[in-house]
């Protein structure tokens, strides 16, 4: 008598098919820039906009809630599972049912994360670069690189603008920058305005949300974060006001399919300096100042470093920090984990994630924004 073959359940078939689809999409993106471009330009919008619209209806970050739930499942769910397995140690049927249910739940969670990461993040890593997509006519000049003199000129230009704008932004009685209540909505308007030159930026925008656990973000040295699994742009609510506008625009750039950090940084710079809004313009120039001056200091003499440092105004120095000194001091008082340790772990995790997606130089890729700034300054403006 033949044994009856066990058939896969419908749920198992769906999961296997889903994992196979994710694998195929990732392979295609890795081997074909054309596929990644076609998907991002023609399909991504029809997935991302409805998804982000639904999560935008919530006044809080849904992605943050999901992460908290995930942590609680690990901390509470696993011990509870073990307790029930011990309780049912003599009941094979109940143990089997419990294990199968837990495994199925875990598979669905992994599938959801993998699918949303693939559709809303992984594929976009392999698109044509921003420079090649929108500035192909300058490819030959850009490939030749830039001189220290050109980088110095760019730094002087950025510093001059930052110094001037530092006196135009609205401040409170303590000299701290005032952020308008509609800043998040304005960020979407300013990024959308780029669609006149760069078509992908058209359409609907979600509103950047504050992260409730911003203290944790501060320890991890994170100013903003994009959640592909909820299509949300999130910012650290505890950072200095001067950093918030450009960070909002940066995270919104990710929601339009520009995943590379140097490109999102450059896009946020463009959105800010072209906004006509003193606050956003100032925030954009401050961001560019950090990257360009740090790059310049690698090549110039001590005398030139002193000249550049002295040129930066006192107000710019005051505004151009991630966190206030008081806030940083309060972080250091936390006993659970040191801020320095948390920041190192965050950097290593980010570097590992970038390298996994084909960005060979990891977090150092952020500094490539300087090449985009130079290309824009010398050939596009």
Protein backbone atom coordinates (compact mmCIF):
# COMPACT_ATOMS: atom_id res chain seq x y z
CA UNK A 1 0.00 0.00 0.00
CA UNK A 2 1.45 3.37 -1.08
CA UNK A 3 2.04 6.05 1.48
CA UNK A 4 0.00 9.23 0.98
CA UNK A 5 2.28 12.08 -0.03
CA UNK A 6 2.06 15.15 2.14
CA UNK A 7 0.94 18.20 0.21
CA UNK A 8 2.12 21.69 0.92
CA UNK A 9 -0.48 23.94 2.49
CA UNK A 10 -1.70 26.97 0.49
CA UNK A 11 0.13 29.26 2.92
CA UNK A 12 3.38 27.39 2.39
CA UNK A 13 2.99 27.68 -1.38
CA UNK A 14 2.37 31.41 -1.10
CA UNK A 15 5.45 31.88 1.11
CA UNK A 16 7.72 29.79 -1.11
CA UNK A 17 6.50 31.66 -4.20
CA UNK A 18 6.99 34.98 -2.41
CA UNK A 19 10.55 34.22 -1.35
CA UNK A 20 11.32 33.02 -4.89
CA UNK A 21 9.92 36.28 -6.31
CA UNK A 22 12.11 38.33 -3.97
CA UNK A 23 15.16 36.34 -5.03
CA UNK A 24 14.40 36.83 -8.73
CA UNK A 25 13.82 40.58 -8.34
CA UNK A 26 17.06 41.05 -6.41
CA UNK A 27 19.06 39.03 -8.92
CA UNK A 28 17.61 41.02 -11.82
CA UNK A 29 18.44 44.29 -10.09
CA UNK A 30 22.04 43.19 -9.44
CA UNK A 31 22.66 42.11 -13.04
CA UNK A 32 20.61 44.76 -14.87
CA UNK A 33 20.68 48.49 -14.18
CA UNK A 34 18.04 48.82 -16.90
CA UNK A 35 15.66 46.61 -14.93
CA UNK A 36 16.25 48.59 -11.73
CA UNK A 37 15.65 51.87 -13.58
CA UNK A 38 12.48 50.60 -15.29
CA UNK A 39 11.06 49.28 -12.05
CA UNK A 40 11.84 52.44 -10.07
CA UNK A 41 10.60 54.86 -12.74
CA UNK A 42 7.48 52.95 -13.82
CA UNK A 43 6.36 50.53 -11.11
CA UNK A 44 7.71 51.74 -7.78
CA UNK A 45 5.44 54.79 -7.72
CA UNK A 46 2.30 52.63 -7.96
CA UNK A 47 3.45 50.61 -4.97
CA UNK A 48 5.00 53.28 -2.79
CA UNK A 49 2.38 56.03 -2.99
CA UNK A 50 -0.66 53.98 -1.85
CA UNK A 51 1.48 52.31 0.81
CA UNK A 52 2.88 55.59 2.16
CA UNK A 53 -0.56 57.21 1.96
CA UNK A 54 -2.01 54.58 4.28
CA UNK A 55 0.77 54.88 6.85
CA UNK A 56 0.61 58.68 6.62
CA UNK A 57 -2.91 58.55 8.07
CA UNK A 58 -1.33 57.63 11.41
CA UNK A 59 -0.06 60.57 13.49
CA UNK A 60 2.89 58.49 14.72
CA UNK A 61 5.61 56.47 13.03
CA UNK A 62 4.10 53.07 12.27
CA UNK A 63 7.55 51.72 11.46
CA UNK A 64 8.76 52.63 14.93
CA UNK A 65 5.79 50.80 16.46
CA UNK A 66 6.54 47.69 14.41
CA UNK A 67 10.16 47.72 15.58
CA UNK A 68 9.06 48.03 19.21
CA UNK A 69 6.61 45.15 18.73
CA UNK A 70 9.41 43.08 17.20
CA UNK A 71 11.66 43.74 20.18
CA UNK A 72 8.86 42.80 22.58
CA UNK A 73 8.23 39.57 20.68
CA UNK A 74 11.88 38.64 21.10
CA UNK A 75 12.03 39.62 24.77
CA UNK A 76 8.64 38.22 25.78
CA UNK A 77 7.55 35.86 23.02
CA UNK A 78 10.59 33.57 23.02
CA UNK A 79 10.57 32.95 26.80
CA UNK A 80 6.80 32.39 26.62
CA UNK A 81 7.28 29.91 23.79
CA UNK A 82 9.83 28.00 25.83
CA UNK A 83 7.50 27.91 28.84
CA UNK A 84 4.66 26.44 26.76
CA UNK A 85 6.97 23.90 25.13
CA UNK A 86 7.94 22.70 28.61
CA UNK A 87 4.30 22.66 29.64
CA UNK A 88 3.35 20.55 26.60
CA UNK A 89 6.40 18.29 26.78
CA UNK A 90 4.15 15.24 27.15
CA UNK A 91 1.64 16.33 24.50
CA UNK A 92 3.25 15.84 21.11
CA UNK A 93 0.25 17.21 19.19
CA UNK A 94 0.14 20.51 21.08
CA UNK A 95 3.93 20.91 20.89
CA UNK A 96 3.82 20.32 17.15
CA UNK A 97 0.97 22.76 16.67
CA UNK A 98 2.77 25.42 18.73
CA UNK A 99 6.04 25.01 16.83
CA UNK A 100 4.33 25.03 13.44
CA UNK A 101 2.32 28.13 14.33
CA UNK A 102 5.39 29.97 15.57
CA UNK A 103 7.42 28.97 12.51
CA UNK A 104 4.64 30.11 10.16
CA UNK A 105 4.36 33.45 11.96
CA UNK A 106 8.13 33.96 11.79
CA UNK A 107 8.17 33.11 8.08
CA UNK A 108 5.43 35.65 7.37
CA UNK A 109 7.32 38.35 9.29
CA UNK A 110 10.55 37.62 7.40
CA UNK A 111 8.68 37.54 4.10
CA UNK A 112 7.00 40.89 4.77
CA UNK A 113 10.32 42.52 5.64
CA UNK A 114 12.13 40.98 2.67
CA UNK A 115 9.37 41.86 0.19
CA UNK A 116 9.01 45.49 1.29
CA UNK A 117 12.77 45.96 1.51
CA UNK A 118 13.15 44.51 -1.99
CA UNK A 119 10.38 46.58 -3.57
CA UNK A 120 11.11 49.83 -1.70
CA UNK A 121 14.87 49.75 -1.15
CA UNK A 122 17.07 46.90 -2.42
CA UNK A 123 16.24 47.29 -6.12
CA UNK A 124 16.87 51.04 -6.03
CA UNK A 125 20.47 50.52 -4.92
CA UNK A 126 21.23 49.34 -8.45
CA UNK A 127 19.67 52.18 -10.44
CA UNK A 128 21.63 54.51 -12.67
CA UNK A 129 23.34 57.08 -10.48
CA UNK A 130 21.80 60.52 -10.12
CA UNK A 131 24.73 62.10 -11.97
CA UNK A 132 24.57 59.69 -14.92
CA UNK A 133 20.79 59.93 -15.07
CA UNK A 134 20.43 63.71 -15.04
CA UNK A 135 23.88 65.10 -15.93
CA UNK A 136 25.18 62.71 -18.61
CA UNK A 137 26.56 65.61 -20.67
CA UNK A 138 29.06 66.36 -17.90
CA UNK A 139 30.21 62.77 -17.41
CA UNK A 140 33.56 63.29 -19.15
CA UNK A 141 34.46 66.40 -17.14
CA UNK A 142 33.28 64.84 -13.86
CA UNK A 143 35.33 61.70 -14.53
CA UNK A 144 38.49 63.81 -14.60
CA UNK A 145 37.95 64.78 -10.99
CA UNK A 146 38.39 68.14 -9.33
CA UNK A 147 41.35 70.10 -8.04
CA UNK A 148 41.96 71.28 -4.49
CA UNK A 149 41.53 74.83 -5.79
CA UNK A 150 38.06 74.00 -7.09
CA UNK A 151 37.10 72.36 -3.82
CA UNK A 152 38.39 75.41 -1.96
CA UNK A 153 36.24 77.69 -4.14
CA UNK A 154 33.19 75.53 -3.43
CA UNK A 155 33.84 75.69 0.31
CA UNK A 156 34.20 79.46 0.21
CA UNK A 157 30.91 79.73 -1.69
CA UNK A 158 29.06 77.51 0.79
CA UNK A 159 30.52 79.28 3.83
CA UNK A 160 29.62 82.71 2.45
CA UNK A 161 26.01 81.64 1.93
CA UNK A 162 25.79 79.97 5.34
CA UNK A 163 27.19 83.06 7.08
CA UNK A 164 24.70 85.33 5.32
CA UNK A 165 21.68 83.12 5.94
CA UNK A 166 22.55 82.59 9.60
CA UNK A 167 21.46 86.19 10.19
CA UNK A 168 18.18 85.80 8.30
CA UNK A 169 16.56 82.85 10.07
CA UNK A 170 14.05 83.44 12.85
CA UNK A 171 15.32 82.78 16.39
CA UNK A 172 13.94 82.77 19.91
CA UNK A 173 15.21 84.84 22.84
CA UNK A 174 17.96 82.28 23.46
CA UNK A 175 19.23 82.48 19.90
CA UNK A 176 17.88 79.05 18.94
CA UNK A 177 16.36 78.68 15.50
CA UNK A 178 12.57 78.52 15.39
CA UNK A 179 11.10 75.74 13.25
CA UNK A 180 7.63 76.53 11.84
CA UNK A 181 4.85 74.08 12.61
CA UNK A 182 4.36 73.30 8.91
CA UNK A 183 8.05 72.58 8.26
CA UNK A 184 7.35 68.92 7.42
CA UNK A 185 4.75 69.89 4.81
CA UNK A 186 7.09 72.52 3.38
CA UNK A 187 9.82 69.89 3.00
CA UNK A 188 7.54 67.89 0.71
CA UNK A 189 6.70 70.99 -1.34
CA UNK A 190 10.36 71.90 -1.79
CA UNK A 191 11.41 68.39 -2.85
CA UNK A 192 8.41 68.16 -5.21
CA UNK A 193 9.49 71.45 -6.81
CA UNK A 194 12.58 69.64 -8.13
CA UNK A 195 10.28 67.80 -10.56
CA UNK A 196 10.67 70.67 -13.01
CA UNK A 197 14.24 69.52 -13.61
CA UNK A 198 14.09 65.95 -12.30
CA UNK A 199 10.74 64.26 -13.17
CA UNK A 200 10.83 61.49 -10.56
CA UNK A 201 10.18 64.03 -7.80
CA UNK A 202 6.65 64.77 -8.91
CA UNK A 203 3.52 63.40 -7.28
CA UNK A 204 2.27 62.90 -3.76
CA UNK A 205 4.47 63.15 -0.65
CA UNK A 206 4.18 61.69 2.79
CA UNK A 207 4.88 64.00 5.74
CA UNK A 208 8.08 63.34 7.71
CA UNK A 209 7.34 62.17 11.25
CA UNK A 210 9.18 62.61 14.53
CA UNK A 211 10.49 59.45 16.13
CA UNK A 212 9.19 59.06 19.70
CA UNK A 213 12.35 57.19 20.75
CA UNK A 214 14.61 59.97 19.48
CA UNK A 215 16.88 59.57 22.49
CA UNK A 216 17.80 56.16 21.17
CA UNK A 217 18.38 57.65 17.71
CA UNK A 218 20.68 60.24 19.27
CA UNK A 219 22.73 57.51 20.93
CA UNK A 220 22.95 55.75 17.56
CA UNK A 221 24.04 59.02 15.93
CA UNK A 222 21.03 59.01 13.60
CA UNK A 223 19.41 62.21 12.36
CA UNK A 224 16.76 60.54 10.24
CA UNK A 225 15.63 57.15 9.03
CA UNK A 226 13.58 55.81 6.12
CA UNK A 227 11.47 52.73 6.81
CA UNK A 228 10.96 50.80 3.54
CA UNK A 229 8.54 48.43 5.27
CA UNK A 230 6.14 51.31 6.00
CA UNK A 231 7.28 53.89 3.42
CA UNK A 232 7.78 56.54 6.10
CA UNK A 233 10.30 59.36 6.38
CA UNK A 234 11.28 59.85 10.01
CA UNK A 235 13.49 62.35 11.83
CA UNK A 236 15.14 62.65 15.22
CA UNK A 237 13.02 65.23 17.07
CA UNK A 238 15.80 65.97 19.58
CA UNK A 239 18.47 67.19 17.14
CA UNK A 240 19.31 70.86 16.63
CA UNK A 241 16.67 72.80 14.68
CA UNK A 242 19.23 73.72 12.01
CA UNK A 243 19.52 70.05 11.01
CA UNK A 244 15.81 69.28 10.74
CA UNK A 245 14.85 70.86 7.38
CA UNK A 246 17.61 69.22 5.36
CA UNK A 247 17.05 65.90 7.14
CA UNK A 248 13.34 65.96 6.27
CA UNK A 249 14.20 66.52 2.61
CA UNK A 250 16.86 63.80 2.76
CA UNK A 251 14.43 61.17 4.02
CA UNK A 252 11.78 62.24 1.50
CA UNK A 253 14.34 61.72 -1.27
CA UNK A 254 14.51 58.08 -0.19
CA UNK A 255 10.74 57.74 -0.59
CA UNK A 256 11.16 58.72 -4.25
CA UNK A 257 13.55 55.86 -4.91
CA UNK A 258 16.91 57.56 -4.34
CA UNK A 259 18.41 55.19 -1.80
CA UNK A 260 22.13 55.98 -2.00
CA UNK A 261 22.99 58.27 0.90
CA UNK A 262 25.23 60.62 -1.07
CA UNK A 263 22.46 61.13 -3.63
CA UNK A 264 19.75 61.67 -0.99
CA UNK A 265 22.06 64.19 0.69
CA UNK A 266 22.64 66.03 -2.57
CA UNK A 267 18.92 66.02 -3.40
CA UNK A 268 18.09 67.47 0.01
CA UNK A 269 20.72 70.16 -0.62
CA UNK A 270 19.13 71.01 -3.97
CA UNK A 271 15.63 71.13 -2.49
CA UNK A 272 16.77 73.40 0.32
CA UNK A 273 18.90 75.93 -1.57
CA UNK A 274 16.30 76.28 -4.34
CA UNK A 275 13.40 76.69 -1.92
CA UNK A 276 13.70 80.44 -1.44
CA UNK A 277 13.07 79.75 2.27
CA UNK A 278 15.88 81.15 4.43
CA UNK A 279 15.57 78.38 7.02
CA UNK A 280 15.71 75.53 4.51
CA UNK A 281 18.44 77.24 2.50
CA UNK A 282 20.53 77.67 5.64
CA UNK A 283 20.02 74.06 6.66
CA UNK A 284 21.05 72.90 3.19
CA UNK A 285 24.24 74.94 3.17
CA UNK A 286 25.15 73.73 6.66
CA UNK A 287 24.89 70.13 5.50
CA UNK A 288 27.04 70.83 2.43
CA UNK A 289 29.54 72.74 4.55
CA UNK A 290 30.25 69.74 6.77
CA UNK A 291 31.00 67.37 3.91
CA UNK A 292 32.94 69.80 1.72
CA UNK A 293 35.11 71.29 4.47
CA UNK A 294 35.92 67.87 5.92
CA UNK A 295 36.97 66.76 2.43
CA UNK A 296 39.06 69.88 1.86
CA UNK A 297 40.90 69.51 5.16
CA UNK A 298 42.33 66.21 3.92
CA UNK A 299 44.40 68.01 1.29
CA UNK A 300 45.31 71.54 2.42
CA UNK A 301 47.96 73.00 4.67
CA UNK A 302 47.45 73.96 8.29
CA UNK A 303 47.46 77.63 7.29
CA UNK A 304 44.60 77.04 4.85
CA UNK A 305 42.66 75.08 7.46
CA UNK A 306 42.98 78.03 9.82
CA UNK A 307 41.80 80.45 7.11
CA UNK A 308 38.72 78.34 6.36
CA UNK A 309 37.94 77.83 10.04
CA UNK A 310 38.20 81.56 10.77
CA UNK A 311 35.93 82.38 7.85
CA UNK A 312 33.05 80.39 9.32
CA UNK A 313 30.90 82.71 11.44
CA UNK A 314 30.30 82.18 15.15
CA UNK A 315 26.58 81.72 14.61
CA UNK A 316 27.23 79.04 12.01
CA UNK A 317 29.50 77.22 14.45
CA UNK A 318 26.77 77.46 17.08
CA UNK A 319 24.07 76.07 14.79
CA UNK A 320 26.20 73.46 13.07
CA UNK A 321 26.03 70.67 15.63
CA UNK A 322 23.87 67.57 15.74
CA UNK A 323 22.91 67.91 19.42
CA UNK A 324 23.24 70.61 22.04
CA UNK A 325 26.02 70.23 24.60
CA UNK A 326 23.42 69.91 27.36
CA UNK A 327 21.64 67.10 25.55
CA UNK A 328 24.88 65.24 24.83
CA UNK A 329 25.82 65.52 28.49
CA UNK A 330 22.47 64.03 29.51
CA UNK A 331 23.06 61.11 27.12
CA UNK A 332 26.37 60.36 28.77
CA UNK A 333 24.59 59.94 32.09
CA UNK A 334 22.65 56.94 30.78
CA UNK A 335 24.11 53.82 32.37
CA UNK A 336 22.62 51.13 30.12
CA UNK A 337 24.88 51.70 27.12
CA UNK A 338 27.49 54.33 26.34
CA UNK A 339 26.72 56.73 23.49
CA UNK A 340 30.10 56.09 21.86
CA UNK A 341 29.51 52.33 21.88
CA UNK A 342 26.00 52.70 20.46
CA UNK A 343 27.25 55.01 17.69
CA UNK A 344 29.98 52.53 16.71
CA UNK A 345 27.46 49.69 16.55
CA UNK A 346 25.16 51.86 14.41
CA UNK A 347 28.01 52.74 12.04
CA UNK A 348 29.03 49.11 11.64
CA UNK A 349 25.43 48.04 11.01
CA UNK A 350 24.97 50.77 8.40
CA UNK A 351 28.26 49.88 6.70
CA UNK A 352 27.31 46.19 6.61
CA UNK A 353 23.90 47.02 5.13
CA UNK A 354 25.40 49.23 2.42
CA UNK A 355 28.05 46.68 1.47
CA UNK A 356 25.40 43.96 1.33
CA UNK A 357 23.62 46.06 -1.28
CA UNK A 358 26.70 46.62 -3.42
CA UNK A 359 28.03 49.88 -1.93
CA UNK A 360 31.60 48.69 -1.50
CA UNK A 361 32.90 51.61 0.58
CA UNK A 362 30.06 51.41 3.08
CA UNK A 363 29.31 54.52 5.12
CA UNK A 364 32.25 56.34 3.56
CA UNK A 365 30.03 56.62 0.47
CA UNK A 366 28.25 59.51 2.22
CA UNK A 367 31.21 61.74 1.37
CA UNK A 368 30.62 61.23 -2.36
CA UNK A 369 28.09 64.03 -2.03
CA UNK A 370 31.07 66.36 -2.47
CA UNK A 371 31.56 65.12 -6.05
CA UNK A 372 27.91 65.88 -6.77
CA UNK A 373 28.23 69.32 -5.17
CA UNK A 374 31.29 70.10 -7.29
CA UNK A 375 29.63 68.86 -10.47
CA UNK A 376 26.56 70.97 -9.78
CA UNK A 377 28.57 74.06 -8.83
CA UNK A 378 30.88 73.99 -11.84
CA UNK A 379 28.70 72.61 -14.64
CA UNK A 380 25.00 72.86 -13.77
CA UNK A 381 24.43 76.13 -11.88
